[in-house]
């Protein structure tokens, strides 16, 4: 995977070449990613879906993350990133079903990497159930859903913990239903401003209800 080739960009988002994924993270090159957040409605409540990263992942194992996300390869367009949704969580979506939330640039620095992403962020209204997810187990260990208002309040300092329900996959593909309390430390350590920005953008979409199916 570290040999994947990614387009790299300067600070003004101008393309400046191609580099391996390993070099991109070692030297902190700007690069493109695809993010897709799932939401659903149940009665008068909205829910957001979070993936639990596999313990096999080199970066951020066992932490909650975007519903589905991944790098856009050098030969791909942004729209090709939609493949990540089916690969990681087994749900078929089309670009017409997605609502673009724009491109968000952010930086995450860890001892082992400098992650400078140009994240192409999309929202998808999910109408099926937790049972319909089929996980790529080397990438994703589980799926949880939480009330969106709780997620929003967590990242805006109104709550210290939120409750989420879902399932994890154990060895042999057995699904274990689970309900847990999570705090910020259970999430991939993107900047808090990133989560706050995402939560505000999603809330704006939910208020406008622009893509109810």
C-alpha atoms as a PDB file:
ATOM      1  CA  UNK A   1       0.000   0.000   0.000  1.00  0.00           C
ATOM      2  CA  UNK A   2       2.877   2.397   0.723  1.00  0.00           C
ATOM      3  CA  UNK A   3       3.864   2.046  -2.947  1.00  0.00           C
ATOM      4  CA  UNK A   4       0.561   3.580  -4.114  1.00  0.00           C
ATOM      5  CA  UNK A   5       1.211   6.639  -6.261  1.00  0.00           C
ATOM      6  CA  UNK A   6      -0.537   9.867  -5.250  1.00  0.00           C
ATOM      7  CA  UNK A   7      -0.697  13.311  -6.816  1.00  0.00           C
ATOM      8  CA  UNK A   8       0.945  15.962  -4.668  1.00  0.00           C
ATOM      9  CA  UNK A   9       0.161  19.676  -4.427  1.00  0.00           C
ATOM     10  CA  UNK A  10       1.701  22.913  -3.213  1.00  0.00           C
ATOM     11  CA  UNK A  11       0.203  25.139  -0.522  1.00  0.00           C
ATOM     12  CA  UNK A  12      -2.039  26.795  -3.141  1.00  0.00           C
ATOM     13  CA  UNK A  13      -3.494  23.438  -4.257  1.00  0.00           C
ATOM     14  CA  UNK A  14      -1.517  23.475  -7.524  1.00  0.00           C
ATOM     15  CA  UNK A  15      -0.388  19.991  -8.657  1.00  0.00           C
ATOM     16  CA  UNK A  16       3.391  19.632  -8.512  1.00  0.00           C
ATOM     17  CA  UNK A  17       3.970  15.949  -9.256  1.00  0.00           C
ATOM     18  CA  UNK A  18       3.466  12.386  -8.096  1.00  0.00           C
ATOM     19  CA  UNK A  19       4.914  10.569  -5.101  1.00  0.00           C
ATOM     20  CA  UNK A  20       4.499   7.277  -3.244  1.00  0.00           C
ATOM     21  CA  UNK A  21       2.109   7.136  -0.322  1.00  0.00           C
ATOM     22  CA  UNK A  22       5.027   6.460   2.030  1.00  0.00           C
ATOM     23  CA  UNK A  23       6.897   9.559   0.823  1.00  0.00           C
ATOM     24  CA  UNK A  24       3.731  11.670   0.946  1.00  0.00           C
ATOM     25  CA  UNK A  25       3.314  10.937   4.637  1.00  0.00           C
ATOM     26  CA  UNK A  26       7.027  11.090   5.442  1.00  0.00           C
ATOM     27  CA  UNK A  27       7.620  14.498   3.879  1.00  0.00           C
ATOM     28  CA  UNK A  28       4.161  15.959   4.449  1.00  0.00           C
ATOM     29  CA  UNK A  29       3.043  16.575   0.879  1.00  0.00           C
ATOM     30  CA  UNK A  30      -0.481  17.826   0.273  1.00  0.00           C
ATOM     31  CA  UNK A  31      -2.542  15.060  -1.370  1.00  0.00           C
ATOM     32  CA  UNK A  32      -6.184  14.286  -2.202  1.00  0.00           C
ATOM     33  CA  UNK A  33      -8.531  12.055  -0.256  1.00  0.00           C
ATOM     34  CA  UNK A  34     -12.189  11.041  -0.514  1.00  0.00           C
ATOM     35  CA  UNK A  35     -14.421  11.205   2.583  1.00  0.00           C
ATOM     36  CA  UNK A  36     -18.009   9.952   2.712  1.00  0.00           C
ATOM     37  CA  UNK A  37     -20.132  10.442   5.838  1.00  0.00           C
ATOM     38  CA  UNK A  38     -23.353   8.414   6.163  1.00  0.00           C
ATOM     39  CA  UNK A  39     -26.415   9.798   7.909  1.00  0.00           C
ATOM     40  CA  UNK A  40     -29.871   8.318   8.403  1.00  0.00           C
ATOM     41  CA  UNK A  41     -33.220   9.298   9.883  1.00  0.00           C
ATOM     42  CA  UNK A  42     -35.191   7.361  12.479  1.00  0.00           C
ATOM     43  CA  UNK A  43     -38.358   9.146  13.539  1.00  0.00           C
ATOM     44  CA  UNK A  44     -37.360  12.698  14.377  1.00  0.00           C
ATOM     45  CA  UNK A  45     -33.705  11.850  15.019  1.00  0.00           C
ATOM     46  CA  UNK A  46     -30.727  11.918  12.671  1.00  0.00           C
ATOM     47  CA  UNK A  47     -27.837   9.482  13.063  1.00  0.00           C
ATOM     48  CA  UNK A  48     -24.242   9.543  11.859  1.00  0.00           C
ATOM     49  CA  UNK A  49     -22.282   6.372  11.045  1.00  0.00           C
ATOM     50  CA  UNK A  50     -18.690   5.810  12.122  1.00  0.00           C
ATOM     51  CA  UNK A  51     -16.295   3.077  11.113  1.00  0.00           C
ATOM     52  CA  UNK A  52     -14.048   1.390  13.636  1.00  0.00           C
ATOM     53  CA  UNK A  53     -10.630   0.995  12.060  1.00  0.00           C
ATOM     54  CA  UNK A  54      -9.131  -2.481  12.094  1.00  0.00           C
ATOM     55  CA  UNK A  55      -6.398  -3.371  14.571  1.00  0.00           C
ATOM     56  CA  UNK A  56      -4.394  -4.390  11.484  1.00  0.00           C
ATOM     57  CA  UNK A  57      -4.148  -0.786  10.289  1.00  0.00           C
ATOM     58  CA  UNK A  58      -0.698   0.788  10.491  1.00  0.00           C
ATOM     59  CA  UNK A  59      -2.171   4.206  11.229  1.00  0.00           C
ATOM     60  CA  UNK A  60      -4.772   4.804  13.959  1.00  0.00           C
ATOM     61  CA  UNK A  61      -5.848   1.180  14.638  1.00  0.00           C
ATOM     62  CA  UNK A  62      -8.973   0.606  16.752  1.00  0.00           C
ATOM     63  CA  UNK A  63     -10.179   4.204  16.485  1.00  0.00           C
ATOM     64  CA  UNK A  64     -13.445   5.631  15.157  1.00  0.00           C
ATOM     65  CA  UNK A  65     -13.275   7.356  11.792  1.00  0.00           C
ATOM     66  CA  UNK A  66     -15.236   8.657   8.821  1.00  0.00           C
ATOM     67  CA  UNK A  67     -17.846   6.172   7.538  1.00  0.00           C
ATOM     68  CA  UNK A  68     -15.710   5.447   4.460  1.00  0.00           C
ATOM     69  CA  UNK A  69     -12.606   7.218   3.213  1.00  0.00           C
ATOM     70  CA  UNK A  70      -9.401   6.725   1.286  1.00  0.00           C
ATOM     71  CA  UNK A  71      -6.700   8.182  -0.892  1.00  0.00           C
ATOM     72  CA  UNK A  72      -7.331   9.275  -4.462  1.00  0.00           C
ATOM     73  CA  UNK A  73      -4.633   7.667  -6.591  1.00  0.00           C
ATOM     74  CA  UNK A  74      -2.552   9.567  -9.118  1.00  0.00           C
ATOM     75  CA  UNK A  75      -4.473   8.191 -12.113  1.00  0.00           C
ATOM     76  CA  UNK A  76      -7.902   8.768 -10.543  1.00  0.00           C
ATOM     77  CA  UNK A  77     -10.335  11.659 -10.411  1.00  0.00           C
ATOM     78  CA  UNK A  78     -12.123  12.732  -7.260  1.00  0.00           C
ATOM     79  CA  UNK A  79     -15.230  10.838  -8.366  1.00  0.00           C
ATOM     80  CA  UNK A  80     -13.219   7.606  -8.582  1.00  0.00           C
ATOM     81  CA  UNK A  81     -12.866   7.835  -4.823  1.00  0.00           C
ATOM     82  CA  UNK A  82     -16.410   6.518  -4.534  1.00  0.00           C
ATOM     83  CA  UNK A  83     -14.890   3.034  -4.867  1.00  0.00           C
ATOM     84  CA  UNK A  84     -13.788   3.346  -1.241  1.00  0.00           C
ATOM     85  CA  UNK A  85     -17.381   3.107  -0.028  1.00  0.00           C
ATOM     86  CA  UNK A  86     -17.963  -0.300  -1.588  1.00  0.00           C
ATOM     87  CA  UNK A  87     -14.470  -1.598  -0.823  1.00  0.00           C
ATOM     88  CA  UNK A  88     -14.533  -0.719   2.872  1.00  0.00           C
ATOM     89  CA  UNK A  89     -18.160  -1.183   3.922  1.00  0.00           C
ATOM     90  CA  UNK A  90     -19.852  -3.014   1.036  1.00  0.00           C
ATOM     91  CA  UNK A  91     -22.453  -0.369   0.167  1.00  0.00           C
ATOM     92  CA  UNK A  92     -23.052   0.593  -3.464  1.00  0.00           C
ATOM     93  CA  UNK A  93     -23.571   4.321  -3.959  1.00  0.00           C
ATOM     94  CA  UNK A  94     -23.586   6.559  -7.018  1.00  0.00           C
ATOM     95  CA  UNK A  95     -22.229  10.050  -7.311  1.00  0.00           C
ATOM     96  CA  UNK A  96     -25.763  11.358  -7.891  1.00  0.00           C
ATOM     97  CA  UNK A  97     -26.695  10.189  -4.383  1.00  0.00           C
ATOM     98  CA  UNK A  98     -23.913  12.174  -2.727  1.00  0.00           C
ATOM     99  CA  UNK A  99     -24.021  15.741  -1.484  1.00  0.00           C
ATOM    100  CA  UNK A 100     -20.681  17.530  -1.794  1.00  0.00           C
ATOM    101  CA  UNK A 101     -19.571  19.407   1.313  1.00  0.00           C
ATOM    102  CA  UNK A 102     -16.566  20.840  -0.515  1.00  0.00           C
ATOM    103  CA  UNK A 103     -12.809  20.412  -0.135  1.00  0.00           C
ATOM    104  CA  UNK A 104     -11.414  20.728   3.383  1.00  0.00           C
ATOM    105  CA  UNK A 105      -7.673  21.018   3.892  1.00  0.00           C
ATOM    106  CA  UNK A 106      -6.246  19.958   7.227  1.00  0.00           C
ATOM    107  CA  UNK A 107      -3.050  18.668   8.781  1.00  0.00           C
ATOM    108  CA  UNK A 108      -2.520  15.841  11.268  1.00  0.00           C
ATOM    109  CA  UNK A 109       1.006  15.358  12.610  1.00  0.00           C
ATOM    110  CA  UNK A 110       2.131  12.226  14.431  1.00  0.00           C
ATOM    111  CA  UNK A 111       5.625  10.933  15.250  1.00  0.00           C
ATOM    112  CA  UNK A 112       5.402   8.512  12.321  1.00  0.00           C
ATOM    113  CA  UNK A 113       3.720  10.733   9.705  1.00  0.00           C
ATOM    114  CA  UNK A 114       2.694  14.171   8.522  1.00  0.00           C
ATOM    115  CA  UNK A 115      -0.757  13.889   6.948  1.00  0.00           C
ATOM    116  CA  UNK A 116      -1.677  16.962   4.866  1.00  0.00           C
ATOM    117  CA  UNK A 117      -4.981  16.223   3.178  1.00  0.00           C
ATOM    118  CA  UNK A 118      -7.145  17.944   0.615  1.00  0.00           C
ATOM    119  CA  UNK A 119     -10.275  16.083   1.652  1.00  0.00           C
ATOM    120  CA  UNK A 120     -13.106  15.945  -0.869  1.00  0.00           C
ATOM    121  CA  UNK A 121     -16.003  15.507   1.540  1.00  0.00           C
ATOM    122  CA  UNK A 122     -19.419  14.048   0.705  1.00  0.00           C
ATOM    123  CA  UNK A 123     -22.609  13.235   2.593  1.00  0.00           C
ATOM    124  CA  UNK A 124     -24.814  10.213   1.873  1.00  0.00           C
ATOM    125  CA  UNK A 125     -28.298   9.574   3.210  1.00  0.00           C
ATOM    126  CA  UNK A 126     -28.374   5.916   4.198  1.00  0.00           C
ATOM    127  CA  UNK A 127     -31.745   4.152   4.140  1.00  0.00           C
ATOM    128  CA  UNK A 128     -30.781   0.564   4.972  1.00  0.00           C
ATOM    129  CA  UNK A 129     -29.766  -1.053   8.271  1.00  0.00           C
ATOM    130  CA  UNK A 130     -26.592  -2.049  10.069  1.00  0.00           C
ATOM    131  CA  UNK A 131     -27.152  -5.562   8.775  1.00  0.00           C
ATOM    132  CA  UNK A 132     -26.485  -4.411   5.207  1.00  0.00           C
ATOM    133  CA  UNK A 133     -22.872  -3.430   5.816  1.00  0.00           C
ATOM    134  CA  UNK A 134     -20.246  -5.880   4.558  1.00  0.00           C
ATOM    135  CA  UNK A 135     -16.863  -4.910   5.958  1.00  0.00           C
ATOM    136  CA  UNK A 136     -13.393  -5.218   4.485  1.00  0.00           C
ATOM    137  CA  UNK A 137     -12.036  -6.781   7.638  1.00  0.00           C
ATOM    138  CA  UNK A 138      -8.374  -5.888   7.132  1.00  0.00           C
ATOM    139  CA  UNK A 139      -9.483  -2.240   6.997  1.00  0.00           C
ATOM    140  CA  UNK A 140     -12.663  -1.975   9.082  1.00  0.00           C
ATOM    141  CA  UNK A 141     -13.421  -3.791  12.345  1.00  0.00           C
ATOM    142  CA  UNK A 142     -16.939  -2.477  12.959  1.00  0.00           C
ATOM    143  CA  UNK A 143     -19.640   0.112  12.317  1.00  0.00           C
ATOM    144  CA  UNK A 144     -21.324   2.293  14.927  1.00  0.00           C
ATOM    145  CA  UNK A 145     -24.078   4.877  14.700  1.00  0.00           C
ATOM    146  CA  UNK A 146     -24.651   7.768  17.064  1.00  0.00           C
ATOM    147  CA  UNK A 147     -27.242  10.497  17.258  1.00  0.00           C
ATOM    148  CA  UNK A 148     -25.934  13.319  15.110  1.00  0.00           C
ATOM    149  CA  UNK A 149     -26.798  15.943  17.722  1.00  0.00           C
ATOM    150  CA  UNK A 150     -24.648  14.070  20.236  1.00  0.00           C
ATOM    151  CA  UNK A 151     -21.768  13.931  17.743  1.00  0.00           C
ATOM    152  CA  UNK A 152     -22.139  17.665  17.144  1.00  0.00           C
ATOM    153  CA  UNK A 153     -22.220  18.427  20.864  1.00  0.00           C
ATOM    154  CA  UNK A 154     -19.163  16.246  21.539  1.00  0.00           C
ATOM    155  CA  UNK A 155     -16.997  18.246  19.150  1.00  0.00           C
ATOM    156  CA  UNK A 156     -18.400  21.589  20.254  1.00  0.00           C
ATOM    157  CA  UNK A 157     -17.699  20.987  23.933  1.00  0.00           C
ATOM    158  CA  UNK A 158     -21.268  20.359  25.087  1.00  0.00           C
ATOM    159  CA  UNK A 159     -20.723  16.667  25.905  1.00  0.00           C
ATOM    160  CA  UNK A 160     -17.743  14.675  27.127  1.00  0.00           C
ATOM    161  CA  UNK A 161     -19.055  11.309  25.932  1.00  0.00           C
ATOM    162  CA  UNK A 162     -21.631   9.990  23.490  1.00  0.00           C
ATOM    163  CA  UNK A 163     -23.364   6.646  23.177  1.00  0.00           C
ATOM    164  CA  UNK A 164     -23.186   4.697  19.924  1.00  0.00           C
ATOM    165  CA  UNK A 165     -24.548   1.313  18.908  1.00  0.00           C
ATOM    166  CA  UNK A 166     -23.427  -1.051  16.200  1.00  0.00           C
ATOM    167  CA  UNK A 167     -21.298  -4.143  15.792  1.00  0.00           C
ATOM    168  CA  UNK A 168     -17.740  -5.370  15.595  1.00  0.00           C
ATOM    169  CA  UNK A 169     -16.379  -8.281  13.573  1.00  0.00           C
ATOM    170  CA  UNK A 170     -14.496 -10.984  15.430  1.00  0.00           C
ATOM    171  CA  UNK A 171     -12.280 -13.712  13.967  1.00  0.00           C
ATOM    172  CA  UNK A 172     -14.249 -15.851  11.559  1.00  0.00           C
ATOM    173  CA  UNK A 173     -16.511 -12.999  10.535  1.00  0.00           C
ATOM    174  CA  UNK A 174     -18.836 -13.237  13.544  1.00  0.00           C
ATOM    175  CA  UNK A 175     -20.762 -10.008  14.191  1.00  0.00           C
ATOM    176  CA  UNK A 176     -20.950  -8.953  17.814  1.00  0.00           C
ATOM    177  CA  UNK A 177     -23.679  -6.350  18.536  1.00  0.00           C
ATOM    178  CA  UNK A 178     -22.399  -3.642  20.824  1.00  0.00           C
ATOM    179  CA  UNK A 179     -23.416  -0.412  22.550  1.00  0.00           C
ATOM    180  CA  UNK A 180     -20.629   1.753  23.950  1.00  0.00           C
ATOM    181  CA  UNK A 181     -19.774   5.173  25.292  1.00  0.00           C
ATOM    182  CA  UNK A 182     -17.110   7.060  23.347  1.00  0.00           C
ATOM    183  CA  UNK A 183     -15.178  10.252  23.972  1.00  0.00           C
ATOM    184  CA  UNK A 184     -12.870  12.272  21.709  1.00  0.00           C
ATOM    185  CA  UNK A 185      -9.919  10.011  22.477  1.00  0.00           C
ATOM    186  CA  UNK A 186     -11.731   7.143  20.730  1.00  0.00           C
ATOM    187  CA  UNK A 187     -11.604   9.020  17.400  1.00  0.00           C
ATOM    188  CA  UNK A 188      -8.797   9.325  14.853  1.00  0.00           C
ATOM    189  CA  UNK A 189      -6.881  12.425  16.005  1.00  0.00           C
ATOM    190  CA  UNK A 190      -7.822  14.820  13.241  1.00  0.00           C
ATOM    191  CA  UNK A 191      -7.754  18.422  14.403  1.00  0.00           C
ATOM    192  CA  UNK A 192     -10.777  19.318  16.537  1.00  0.00           C
ATOM    193  CA  UNK A 193     -11.476  22.143  14.092  1.00  0.00           C
ATOM    194  CA  UNK A 194     -11.879  19.517  11.351  1.00  0.00           C
ATOM    195  CA  UNK A 195     -14.571  17.644  13.263  1.00  0.00           C
ATOM    196  CA  UNK A 196     -16.254  20.914  14.223  1.00  0.00           C
ATOM    197  CA  UNK A 197     -16.298  22.077  10.605  1.00  0.00           C
ATOM    198  CA  UNK A 198     -17.688  18.761   9.368  1.00  0.00           C
ATOM    199  CA  UNK A 199     -20.400  18.749  12.045  1.00  0.00           C
ATOM    200  CA  UNK A 200     -21.472  22.282  11.130  1.00  0.00           C
ATOM    201  CA  UNK A 201     -21.601  21.473   7.401  1.00  0.00           C
ATOM    202  CA  UNK A 202     -23.692  18.365   8.020  1.00  0.00           C
ATOM    203  CA  UNK A 203     -26.049  20.253  10.312  1.00  0.00           C
ATOM    204  CA  UNK A 204     -26.580  22.882   7.608  1.00  0.00           C
ATOM    205  CA  UNK A 205     -27.483  20.142   5.133  1.00  0.00           C
ATOM    206  CA  UNK A 206     -29.860  18.480   7.551  1.00  0.00           C
ATOM    207  CA  UNK A 207     -31.633  21.775   8.213  1.00  0.00           C
ATOM    208  CA  UNK A 208     -32.024  22.412   4.480  1.00  0.00           C
ATOM    209  CA  UNK A 209     -32.817  18.720   3.772  1.00  0.00           C
ATOM    210  CA  UNK A 210     -31.495  19.036   0.204  1.00  0.00           C
ATOM    211  CA  UNK A 211     -31.274  15.403  -0.762  1.00  0.00           C
ATOM    212  CA  UNK A 212     -34.038  13.375   0.914  1.00  0.00           C
ATOM    213  CA  UNK A 213     -34.778  10.273  -1.155  1.00  0.00           C
END
